[in-house]
N, C-alpha and C. Protein backbone atom coordinates (compact mmCIF):
# COMPACT_ATOMS: atom_id res chain seq x y z
N MET A 1 149.32 121.47 71.71
CA MET A 1 148.19 121.48 70.81
C MET A 1 147.12 120.50 71.31
N SER A 2 147.50 119.40 71.88
CA SER A 2 146.54 118.41 72.36
C SER A 2 145.64 119.00 73.43
N ASP A 3 146.21 119.80 74.34
CA ASP A 3 145.40 120.44 75.37
C ASP A 3 144.38 121.37 74.75
N PHE A 4 144.79 122.07 73.69
CA PHE A 4 143.90 122.99 73.00
C PHE A 4 142.70 122.24 72.42
N ILE A 5 142.95 121.13 71.77
CA ILE A 5 141.87 120.33 71.17
C ILE A 5 140.98 119.75 72.25
N ASP A 6 141.58 119.27 73.36
CA ASP A 6 140.78 118.74 74.46
C ASP A 6 139.85 119.81 75.02
N LYS A 7 140.34 121.05 75.15
CA LYS A 7 139.50 122.13 75.66
C LYS A 7 138.33 122.38 74.71
N ILE A 8 138.61 122.41 73.41
CA ILE A 8 137.54 122.63 72.44
C ILE A 8 136.51 121.51 72.53
N LEU A 9 136.98 120.28 72.69
CA LEU A 9 136.06 119.15 72.78
C LEU A 9 135.20 119.24 74.03
N ASP A 10 135.74 119.80 75.11
CA ASP A 10 134.94 120.00 76.32
C ASP A 10 133.86 121.04 76.10
N ASP A 11 134.17 122.06 75.30
CA ASP A 11 133.24 123.16 75.08
C ASP A 11 132.22 122.89 73.97
N VAL A 12 132.54 122.01 73.05
CA VAL A 12 131.69 121.78 71.89
C VAL A 12 131.34 120.31 71.79
N GLU A 13 130.10 120.03 71.57
CA GLU A 13 129.69 118.64 71.39
C GLU A 13 129.86 118.28 69.91
N LEU A 14 130.76 117.34 69.65
CA LEU A 14 130.98 116.88 68.28
C LEU A 14 130.22 115.58 68.09
N THR A 15 129.61 115.44 66.92
CA THR A 15 128.72 114.31 66.71
C THR A 15 129.41 113.06 66.21
N ASN A 16 130.61 113.19 65.63
CA ASN A 16 131.28 111.97 65.17
C ASN A 16 132.78 112.16 65.10
N ASP A 17 133.47 111.07 64.89
CA ASP A 17 134.94 111.09 64.86
C ASP A 17 135.48 111.92 63.71
N ASN A 18 134.73 112.02 62.61
CA ASN A 18 135.19 112.82 61.47
C ASN A 18 135.38 114.27 61.87
N ASN A 19 134.49 114.79 62.69
CA ASN A 19 134.63 116.18 63.13
C ASN A 19 135.90 116.35 63.96
N ILE A 20 136.21 115.40 64.82
CA ILE A 20 137.42 115.47 65.63
C ILE A 20 138.65 115.43 64.73
N GLU A 21 138.66 114.49 63.80
CA GLU A 21 139.79 114.38 62.88
C GLU A 21 139.94 115.65 62.05
N GLU A 22 138.83 116.21 61.59
CA GLU A 22 138.87 117.42 60.79
C GLU A 22 139.43 118.58 61.60
N LEU A 23 139.02 118.71 62.85
CA LEU A 23 139.51 119.76 63.72
C LEU A 23 141.01 119.61 63.95
N GLN A 24 141.47 118.39 64.22
CA GLN A 24 142.89 118.15 64.43
C GLN A 24 143.68 118.45 63.17
N GLU A 25 143.13 118.05 62.03
CA GLU A 25 143.79 118.27 60.76
C GLU A 25 143.92 119.77 60.48
N THR A 26 142.88 120.53 60.72
CA THR A 26 142.91 121.97 60.50
C THR A 26 143.92 122.62 61.42
N GLU A 27 143.97 122.23 62.68
CA GLU A 27 144.94 122.79 63.62
C GLU A 27 146.37 122.47 63.17
N GLN A 28 146.60 121.26 62.67
CA GLN A 28 147.93 120.88 62.23
C GLN A 28 148.35 121.73 61.03
N VAL A 29 147.43 121.96 60.11
CA VAL A 29 147.75 122.76 58.93
C VAL A 29 148.05 124.20 59.33
N GLU A 30 147.21 124.77 60.18
CA GLU A 30 147.43 126.15 60.62
C GLU A 30 148.76 126.28 61.35
N GLU A 31 149.07 125.32 62.19
CA GLU A 31 150.33 125.33 62.93
C GLU A 31 151.51 125.23 61.96
N ALA A 32 151.38 124.37 60.97
CA ALA A 32 152.47 124.20 59.99
C ALA A 32 152.67 125.47 59.18
N ASN A 33 151.59 126.11 58.79
CA ASN A 33 151.71 127.33 58.00
C ASN A 33 152.23 128.51 58.81
N GLN A 34 152.09 128.47 60.13
CA GLN A 34 152.56 129.56 60.96
C GLN A 34 154.04 129.44 61.29
N GLN A 35 154.64 128.30 61.04
CA GLN A 35 156.07 128.15 61.28
C GLN A 35 156.80 129.12 60.36
N GLU A 36 157.95 129.62 60.83
CA GLU A 36 158.67 130.59 60.03
C GLU A 36 159.05 130.03 58.67
N GLU A 37 159.57 128.82 58.64
CA GLU A 37 159.96 128.22 57.37
C GLU A 37 159.48 126.78 57.32
N LEU A 38 158.73 126.49 56.29
CA LEU A 38 158.33 125.11 56.07
C LEU A 38 159.39 124.46 55.19
N THR A 39 159.62 123.19 55.41
CA THR A 39 160.56 122.49 54.56
C THR A 39 159.94 122.31 53.18
N GLU A 40 160.75 122.11 52.18
CA GLU A 40 160.26 121.95 50.82
C GLU A 40 159.22 120.84 50.70
N PRO A 41 159.44 119.65 51.30
CA PRO A 41 158.40 118.61 51.22
C PRO A 41 157.07 119.03 51.84
N ASP A 42 157.13 119.82 52.94
CA ASP A 42 155.89 120.30 53.56
C ASP A 42 155.15 121.25 52.63
N LEU A 43 155.91 122.13 51.97
CA LEU A 43 155.28 123.06 51.03
C LEU A 43 154.59 122.31 49.90
N ILE A 44 155.27 121.31 49.37
CA ILE A 44 154.70 120.53 48.28
C ILE A 44 153.46 119.79 48.76
N LYS A 45 153.56 119.17 49.93
CA LYS A 45 152.42 118.43 50.47
C LYS A 45 151.22 119.36 50.64
N ASN A 46 151.45 120.55 51.21
CA ASN A 46 150.35 121.45 51.44
C ASN A 46 149.72 121.95 50.15
N ILE A 47 150.53 122.33 49.18
CA ILE A 47 149.94 122.83 47.93
C ILE A 47 149.26 121.69 47.18
N GLU A 48 149.83 120.49 47.25
CA GLU A 48 149.17 119.34 46.59
C GLU A 48 147.81 119.08 47.22
N GLU A 49 147.76 119.12 48.54
CA GLU A 49 146.47 118.92 49.24
C GLU A 49 145.50 120.04 48.89
N ALA A 50 146.00 121.28 48.87
CA ALA A 50 145.15 122.43 48.55
C ALA A 50 144.56 122.28 47.15
N LEU A 51 145.38 121.85 46.21
CA LEU A 51 144.89 121.69 44.83
C LEU A 51 143.87 120.55 44.72
N LYS A 52 144.06 119.49 45.53
CA LYS A 52 143.06 118.42 45.56
C LYS A 52 141.74 118.95 46.09
N PHE A 53 141.80 119.76 47.15
CA PHE A 53 140.58 120.35 47.69
C PHE A 53 139.91 121.27 46.66
N LYS A 54 140.72 122.01 45.91
CA LYS A 54 140.17 122.89 44.87
C LYS A 54 139.38 122.07 43.86
N GLU A 55 139.95 120.97 43.40
CA GLU A 55 139.26 120.14 42.41
C GLU A 55 137.96 119.57 42.98
N GLU A 56 138.02 119.15 44.24
CA GLU A 56 136.81 118.64 44.90
C GLU A 56 135.76 119.75 45.01
N GLY A 57 136.20 120.94 45.37
CA GLY A 57 135.29 122.09 45.45
C GLY A 57 134.69 122.43 44.11
N ASN A 58 135.51 122.35 43.06
CA ASN A 58 135.01 122.63 41.70
C ASN A 58 133.90 121.66 41.32
N GLU A 59 134.09 120.40 41.66
CA GLU A 59 133.06 119.38 41.34
C GLU A 59 131.76 119.68 42.10
N LEU A 60 131.88 120.01 43.37
CA LEU A 60 130.70 120.36 44.16
C LEU A 60 130.02 121.61 43.59
N PHE A 61 130.81 122.58 43.18
CA PHE A 61 130.26 123.81 42.61
C PHE A 61 129.49 123.50 41.33
N ARG A 62 130.08 122.67 40.46
CA ARG A 62 129.40 122.28 39.22
C ARG A 62 128.06 121.61 39.51
N ASN A 63 127.99 120.89 40.63
CA ASN A 63 126.75 120.22 41.03
C ASN A 63 125.83 121.12 41.85
N LYS A 64 126.19 122.41 41.92
CA LYS A 64 125.39 123.41 42.64
C LYS A 64 125.27 123.12 44.14
N GLU A 65 126.27 122.46 44.68
CA GLU A 65 126.34 122.20 46.12
C GLU A 65 127.26 123.27 46.73
N TYR A 66 126.74 124.49 46.74
CA TYR A 66 127.56 125.66 47.05
C TYR A 66 128.08 125.69 48.48
N GLU A 67 127.25 125.31 49.43
CA GLU A 67 127.70 125.35 50.82
C GLU A 67 128.84 124.35 51.05
N ASP A 68 128.67 123.13 50.53
CA ASP A 68 129.74 122.13 50.66
C ASP A 68 131.00 122.58 49.92
N ALA A 69 130.81 123.15 48.74
CA ALA A 69 131.96 123.63 47.97
C ALA A 69 132.70 124.73 48.73
N SER A 70 131.95 125.63 49.37
CA SER A 70 132.61 126.71 50.11
C SER A 70 133.45 126.15 51.26
N GLU A 71 132.97 125.11 51.90
CA GLU A 71 133.73 124.48 52.98
C GLU A 71 135.01 123.83 52.45
N ILE A 72 134.92 123.21 51.30
CA ILE A 72 136.10 122.57 50.71
C ILE A 72 137.10 123.62 50.24
N TYR A 73 136.62 124.72 49.65
CA TYR A 73 137.54 125.79 49.27
C TYR A 73 138.21 126.39 50.51
N SER A 74 137.49 126.42 51.64
CA SER A 74 138.10 126.89 52.89
C SER A 74 139.27 126.00 53.28
N LYS A 75 139.13 124.71 53.08
CA LYS A 75 140.23 123.79 53.36
C LYS A 75 141.41 124.08 52.43
N ALA A 76 141.11 124.34 51.16
CA ALA A 76 142.18 124.67 50.21
C ALA A 76 142.93 125.91 50.67
N ILE A 77 142.18 126.90 51.16
CA ILE A 77 142.80 128.13 51.67
C ILE A 77 143.68 127.81 52.87
N ASP A 78 143.18 126.97 53.77
CA ASP A 78 143.94 126.61 54.97
C ASP A 78 145.22 125.85 54.61
N TYR A 79 145.15 125.00 53.62
CA TYR A 79 146.31 124.17 53.25
C TYR A 79 147.34 124.93 52.41
N CYS A 80 146.91 125.93 51.71
CA CYS A 80 147.80 126.62 50.77
C CYS A 80 148.81 127.49 51.51
N PRO A 81 150.09 127.28 51.26
CA PRO A 81 151.09 128.16 51.87
C PRO A 81 150.87 129.60 51.39
N ASN A 82 150.99 130.54 52.31
CA ASN A 82 150.81 131.94 51.98
C ASN A 82 152.18 132.54 51.68
N ASP A 83 152.66 132.27 50.47
CA ASP A 83 153.96 132.78 50.05
C ASP A 83 153.85 133.27 48.61
N ASP A 84 154.91 133.90 48.13
CA ASP A 84 154.89 134.47 46.79
C ASP A 84 154.63 133.43 45.70
N ILE A 85 155.14 132.22 45.90
CA ILE A 85 154.99 131.17 44.90
C ILE A 85 153.52 130.77 44.73
N ASN A 86 152.77 130.81 45.82
CA ASN A 86 151.39 130.32 45.80
C ASN A 86 150.33 131.42 45.85
N LYS A 87 150.73 132.67 45.66
CA LYS A 87 149.78 133.78 45.71
C LYS A 87 148.63 133.59 44.73
N GLU A 88 148.95 133.16 43.53
CA GLU A 88 147.91 133.02 42.51
C GLU A 88 146.95 131.88 42.87
N ASN A 89 147.49 130.77 43.38
CA ASN A 89 146.61 129.68 43.82
C ASN A 89 145.69 130.14 44.95
N LEU A 90 146.25 130.84 45.92
CA LEU A 90 145.46 131.32 47.04
C LEU A 90 144.39 132.30 46.57
N ALA A 91 144.74 133.16 45.63
CA ALA A 91 143.75 134.09 45.05
C ALA A 91 142.62 133.31 44.39
N THR A 92 142.96 132.25 43.68
CA THR A 92 141.95 131.43 43.03
C THR A 92 141.03 130.77 44.05
N PHE A 93 141.59 130.27 45.13
CA PHE A 93 140.77 129.62 46.16
C PHE A 93 139.80 130.62 46.79
N PHE A 94 140.28 131.83 47.08
CA PHE A 94 139.39 132.86 47.62
C PHE A 94 138.32 133.24 46.58
N GLY A 95 138.74 133.35 45.32
CA GLY A 95 137.78 133.69 44.26
C GLY A 95 136.71 132.62 44.09
N ASN A 96 137.11 131.36 44.19
CA ASN A 96 136.15 130.27 44.06
C ASN A 96 135.17 130.24 45.23
N ARG A 97 135.70 130.47 46.43
CA ARG A 97 134.81 130.49 47.59
C ARG A 97 133.85 131.67 47.48
N ALA A 98 134.34 132.79 46.97
CA ALA A 98 133.48 133.96 46.76
C ALA A 98 132.34 133.64 45.80
N ALA A 99 132.63 132.84 44.78
CA ALA A 99 131.59 132.43 43.82
C ALA A 99 130.50 131.62 44.53
N CYS A 100 130.91 130.77 45.46
CA CYS A 100 129.95 130.00 46.26
C CYS A 100 129.08 130.94 47.09
N TYR A 101 129.74 131.86 47.78
CA TYR A 101 129.00 132.81 48.62
C TYR A 101 128.01 133.61 47.79
N PHE A 102 128.43 134.02 46.59
CA PHE A 102 127.54 134.79 45.72
C PHE A 102 126.31 133.95 45.35
N ALA A 103 126.55 132.70 45.01
CA ALA A 103 125.45 131.80 44.64
C ALA A 103 124.49 131.57 45.82
N MET A 104 125.00 131.70 47.05
CA MET A 104 124.17 131.53 48.25
C MET A 104 123.61 132.86 48.76
N ASN A 105 123.77 133.92 47.95
CA ASN A 105 123.29 135.26 48.30
C ASN A 105 123.95 135.83 49.55
N GLU A 106 125.16 135.41 49.81
CA GLU A 106 125.96 135.91 50.94
C GLU A 106 126.90 136.99 50.39
N TYR A 107 126.33 138.15 50.12
CA TYR A 107 127.08 139.18 49.38
C TYR A 107 128.21 139.82 50.18
N ASP A 108 128.02 140.00 51.48
CA ASP A 108 129.11 140.58 52.28
C ASP A 108 130.31 139.63 52.33
N LEU A 109 130.04 138.32 52.46
CA LEU A 109 131.13 137.34 52.43
C LEU A 109 131.79 137.29 51.05
N THR A 110 130.97 137.45 50.01
CA THR A 110 131.51 137.51 48.65
C THR A 110 132.50 138.65 48.53
N ILE A 111 132.10 139.81 49.01
CA ILE A 111 132.96 141.00 48.94
C ILE A 111 134.25 140.77 49.71
N GLU A 112 134.14 140.19 50.90
CA GLU A 112 135.34 139.93 51.72
C GLU A 112 136.32 139.01 50.99
N ASP A 113 135.82 137.91 50.44
CA ASP A 113 136.72 136.97 49.76
C ASP A 113 137.28 137.55 48.47
N CYS A 114 136.47 138.29 47.74
CA CYS A 114 136.98 138.94 46.53
C CYS A 114 138.09 139.92 46.89
N THR A 115 137.90 140.66 47.96
CA THR A 115 138.91 141.62 48.39
C THR A 115 140.21 140.90 48.76
N GLU A 116 140.10 139.77 49.46
CA GLU A 116 141.29 138.98 49.79
C GLU A 116 141.98 138.49 48.52
N ALA A 117 141.21 138.01 47.56
CA ALA A 117 141.79 137.53 46.29
C ALA A 117 142.50 138.67 45.57
N LEU A 118 141.92 139.85 45.60
CA LEU A 118 142.51 140.99 44.90
C LEU A 118 143.77 141.51 45.59
N LYS A 119 143.91 141.28 46.87
CA LYS A 119 145.16 141.62 47.56
C LYS A 119 146.30 140.75 47.03
N LEU A 120 145.95 139.55 46.63
CA LEU A 120 146.96 138.59 46.15
C LEU A 120 147.19 138.70 44.65
N LYS A 121 146.15 139.07 43.91
CA LYS A 121 146.22 139.16 42.45
C LYS A 121 145.39 140.37 42.03
N GLU A 122 146.06 141.50 41.97
CA GLU A 122 145.41 142.80 41.83
C GLU A 122 144.50 142.93 40.60
N ASN A 123 144.90 142.38 39.48
CA ASN A 123 144.15 142.55 38.23
C ASN A 123 143.33 141.31 37.87
N TYR A 124 142.74 140.69 38.85
CA TYR A 124 141.96 139.46 38.69
C TYR A 124 140.56 139.87 38.21
N THR A 125 140.39 139.92 36.90
CA THR A 125 139.18 140.46 36.28
C THR A 125 137.92 139.75 36.74
N LYS A 126 137.94 138.44 36.73
CA LYS A 126 136.75 137.68 37.13
C LYS A 126 136.30 138.04 38.54
N VAL A 127 137.25 138.23 39.43
CA VAL A 127 136.94 138.55 40.82
C VAL A 127 136.47 140.01 40.95
N LEU A 128 137.06 140.90 40.17
CA LEU A 128 136.58 142.28 40.16
C LEU A 128 135.12 142.35 39.72
N VAL A 129 134.78 141.59 38.70
CA VAL A 129 133.40 141.56 38.21
C VAL A 129 132.47 141.00 39.29
N ARG A 130 132.89 139.93 39.91
CA ARG A 130 132.07 139.30 40.96
C ARG A 130 131.87 140.26 42.13
N ARG A 131 132.95 140.94 42.54
CA ARG A 131 132.82 141.88 43.65
C ARG A 131 131.91 143.03 43.26
N SER A 132 132.01 143.49 42.03
CA SER A 132 131.14 144.55 41.54
C SER A 132 129.67 144.12 41.62
N GLN A 133 129.40 142.91 41.21
CA GLN A 133 128.03 142.38 41.27
C GLN A 133 127.54 142.30 42.71
N ALA A 134 128.42 141.89 43.62
CA ALA A 134 128.04 141.80 45.03
C ALA A 134 127.81 143.20 45.61
N TYR A 135 128.68 144.14 45.27
CA TYR A 135 128.47 145.52 45.71
C TYR A 135 127.11 146.04 45.23
N GLU A 136 126.79 145.72 44.01
CA GLU A 136 125.51 146.18 43.46
C GLU A 136 124.34 145.57 44.25
N LYS A 137 124.47 144.31 44.62
CA LYS A 137 123.41 143.63 45.38
C LYS A 137 123.18 144.28 46.74
N VAL A 138 124.24 144.82 47.34
CA VAL A 138 124.11 145.47 48.65
C VAL A 138 124.01 147.00 48.50
N GLU A 139 123.70 147.43 47.28
CA GLU A 139 123.44 148.83 46.95
C GLU A 139 124.62 149.75 47.21
N LYS A 140 125.82 149.23 46.99
CA LYS A 140 127.03 150.06 47.04
C LYS A 140 127.44 150.32 45.59
N ILE A 141 126.65 151.18 44.96
CA ILE A 141 126.77 151.41 43.52
C ILE A 141 128.11 152.05 43.16
N GLU A 142 128.56 152.99 43.96
CA GLU A 142 129.83 153.66 43.67
C GLU A 142 130.98 152.66 43.64
N GLU A 143 131.01 151.74 44.62
CA GLU A 143 132.06 150.72 44.67
C GLU A 143 131.94 149.77 43.47
N ALA A 144 130.71 149.41 43.13
CA ALA A 144 130.49 148.53 41.97
C ALA A 144 131.01 149.20 40.70
N LEU A 145 130.73 150.49 40.57
CA LEU A 145 131.18 151.25 39.40
C LEU A 145 132.70 151.30 39.34
N GLU A 146 133.34 151.57 40.47
CA GLU A 146 134.81 151.63 40.50
C GLU A 146 135.44 150.30 40.07
N ASP A 147 134.87 149.19 40.53
CA ASP A 147 135.40 147.88 40.12
C ASP A 147 135.26 147.68 38.61
N MET A 148 134.12 148.08 38.06
CA MET A 148 133.93 147.88 36.62
C MET A 148 134.82 148.81 35.80
N LYS A 149 135.09 150.00 36.30
CA LYS A 149 136.03 150.89 35.61
C LYS A 149 137.43 150.26 35.59
N LYS A 150 137.79 149.61 36.68
CA LYS A 150 139.09 148.94 36.73
C LYS A 150 139.12 147.77 35.74
N VAL A 151 138.00 147.05 35.64
CA VAL A 151 137.92 145.96 34.66
C VAL A 151 138.17 146.52 33.26
N LYS A 152 137.56 147.67 32.97
CA LYS A 152 137.73 148.28 31.64
C LYS A 152 139.19 148.66 31.40
N GLU A 153 139.88 149.15 32.44
CA GLU A 153 141.30 149.48 32.31
C GLU A 153 142.11 148.24 31.97
N ILE A 154 141.79 147.13 32.64
CA ILE A 154 142.53 145.88 32.46
C ILE A 154 142.20 145.25 31.11
N ASP A 155 140.91 145.23 30.79
CA ASP A 155 140.44 144.57 29.57
C ASP A 155 139.37 145.42 28.89
N PRO A 156 139.79 146.35 28.04
CA PRO A 156 138.83 147.24 27.38
C PRO A 156 137.81 146.49 26.51
N ASN A 157 138.12 145.25 26.15
CA ASN A 157 137.20 144.46 25.32
C ASN A 157 136.31 143.52 26.12
N TYR A 158 136.29 143.69 27.44
CA TYR A 158 135.44 142.85 28.27
C TYR A 158 134.00 143.00 27.75
N PRO A 159 133.27 141.87 27.60
CA PRO A 159 131.92 141.92 27.01
C PRO A 159 131.00 142.92 27.71
N LYS A 160 130.45 143.81 26.92
CA LYS A 160 129.44 144.79 27.34
C LYS A 160 129.91 145.70 28.47
N ILE A 161 131.22 145.91 28.58
CA ILE A 161 131.75 146.71 29.68
C ILE A 161 131.20 148.13 29.66
N ASN A 162 131.11 148.74 28.48
CA ASN A 162 130.59 150.11 28.41
C ASN A 162 129.13 150.18 28.83
N ASP A 163 128.35 149.19 28.43
CA ASP A 163 126.93 149.15 28.83
C ASP A 163 126.80 149.01 30.36
N ILE A 164 127.64 148.16 30.93
CA ILE A 164 127.59 147.95 32.38
C ILE A 164 127.97 149.24 33.11
N ILE A 165 129.04 149.88 32.67
CA ILE A 165 129.48 151.12 33.30
C ILE A 165 128.40 152.20 33.16
N ASN A 166 127.82 152.33 31.98
CA ASN A 166 126.77 153.33 31.77
C ASN A 166 125.57 153.06 32.68
N ARG A 167 125.18 151.81 32.81
CA ARG A 167 124.05 151.46 33.68
C ARG A 167 124.35 151.81 35.13
N LEU A 168 125.57 151.48 35.58
CA LEU A 168 125.95 151.78 36.96
C LEU A 168 126.04 153.29 37.19
N GLN A 169 126.55 154.03 36.21
CA GLN A 169 126.60 155.49 36.36
C GLN A 169 125.19 156.06 36.45
N LYS A 170 124.29 155.53 35.64
CA LYS A 170 122.89 155.98 35.68
C LYS A 170 122.28 155.67 37.05
N ASP A 171 122.52 154.46 37.55
CA ASP A 171 122.00 154.08 38.88
C ASP A 171 122.58 154.99 39.96
N ARG A 172 123.88 155.26 39.87
CA ARG A 172 124.52 156.14 40.86
C ARG A 172 123.92 157.54 40.81
N ASP A 173 123.74 158.06 39.60
CA ASP A 173 123.17 159.40 39.46
C ASP A 173 121.74 159.46 39.98
N GLU A 174 120.95 158.43 39.70
CA GLU A 174 119.58 158.39 40.21
C GLU A 174 119.56 158.34 41.73
N LYS A 175 120.45 157.55 42.30
CA LYS A 175 120.54 157.45 43.76
C LYS A 175 120.94 158.79 44.36
N PHE A 176 121.90 159.46 43.72
CA PHE A 176 122.34 160.77 44.20
C PHE A 176 121.20 161.78 44.13
N ASN A 177 120.49 161.81 42.99
CA ASN A 177 119.39 162.76 42.83
C ASN A 177 118.27 162.49 43.83
N LYS A 178 118.01 161.24 44.11
CA LYS A 178 116.97 160.89 45.09
C LYS A 178 117.39 161.39 46.47
N MET A 179 118.66 161.17 46.83
CA MET A 179 119.15 161.63 48.13
C MET A 179 119.10 163.16 48.20
N LYS A 180 119.45 163.82 47.11
CA LYS A 180 119.42 165.29 47.06
C LYS A 180 117.99 165.78 47.23
N ASP A 181 117.05 165.18 46.51
CA ASP A 181 115.64 165.57 46.61
C ASP A 181 115.11 165.36 48.03
N GLU A 182 115.49 164.24 48.65
CA GLU A 182 115.06 163.98 50.02
C GLU A 182 115.65 165.01 50.97
N ALA A 183 116.91 165.36 50.77
CA ALA A 183 117.55 166.35 51.62
C ALA A 183 116.88 167.71 51.46
N MET A 184 116.58 168.06 50.24
CA MET A 184 115.90 169.34 49.99
C MET A 184 114.50 169.32 50.60
N GLY A 185 113.81 168.22 50.47
CA GLY A 185 112.48 168.09 51.06
C GLY A 185 112.53 168.23 52.57
N ASN A 186 113.53 167.61 53.17
CA ASN A 186 113.70 167.71 54.62
C ASN A 186 114.04 169.14 55.04
N THR A 187 114.84 169.82 54.23
CA THR A 187 115.21 171.20 54.54
C THR A 187 113.98 172.08 54.49
N PHE A 188 113.18 171.92 53.43
CA PHE A 188 111.97 172.74 53.32
C PHE A 188 110.98 172.42 54.43
N SER A 189 110.89 171.17 54.81
CA SER A 189 110.00 170.80 55.91
C SER A 189 110.46 171.44 57.21
N PHE A 190 111.77 171.44 57.40
CA PHE A 190 112.35 172.01 58.62
C PHE A 190 112.07 173.52 58.68
N LEU A 191 112.19 174.14 57.54
CA LEU A 191 111.96 175.60 57.47
C LEU A 191 110.46 175.94 57.36
N ASN A 192 109.65 174.88 57.20
CA ASN A 192 108.20 175.02 57.06
C ASN A 192 107.84 175.84 55.83
N ILE A 193 108.58 175.60 54.76
CA ILE A 193 108.31 176.28 53.49
C ILE A 193 107.48 175.35 52.64
N THR A 194 106.43 175.90 52.07
CA THR A 194 105.56 175.10 51.20
C THR A 194 105.44 175.71 49.84
């Protein structure tokens, strides 16, 4: 591992010792999580560290320091063991980082993290709503609608769910009709029909 870090240091100019320590720390965590079996104390240490990072990220998020919060949530993700016991914690860390990305208008990253969270916790309503909002921002209305329909299945009393679904269906239908009209216009132009 030391040779690996030395190579990275040769290729990248780091401005201070904190960056070196952070890089070494991240490599150690990744290496520990890749081992077939972590000992019980290692698992506890990692989840405890991950939860500390989550709390730090939450504080940064409350202060609207979204970029810093996203970096801290990334550390929580790195530290969290990827096992059945910690699936819900890991889903939360991905969901929290997705909230940061959404606040920074990074909608594709929001969608990626929400999708990762949903792999770990399938019926995570808050994350489904967030992913739906991100899909809508990138004009993937059908995907946004599907997520909101799933929210309704999970929680039929979700606030204004029917209004949201109706609005998305209307947007989808308008988009479809516009595409159909454009296709028809192109067909008539091609055939030179007026």
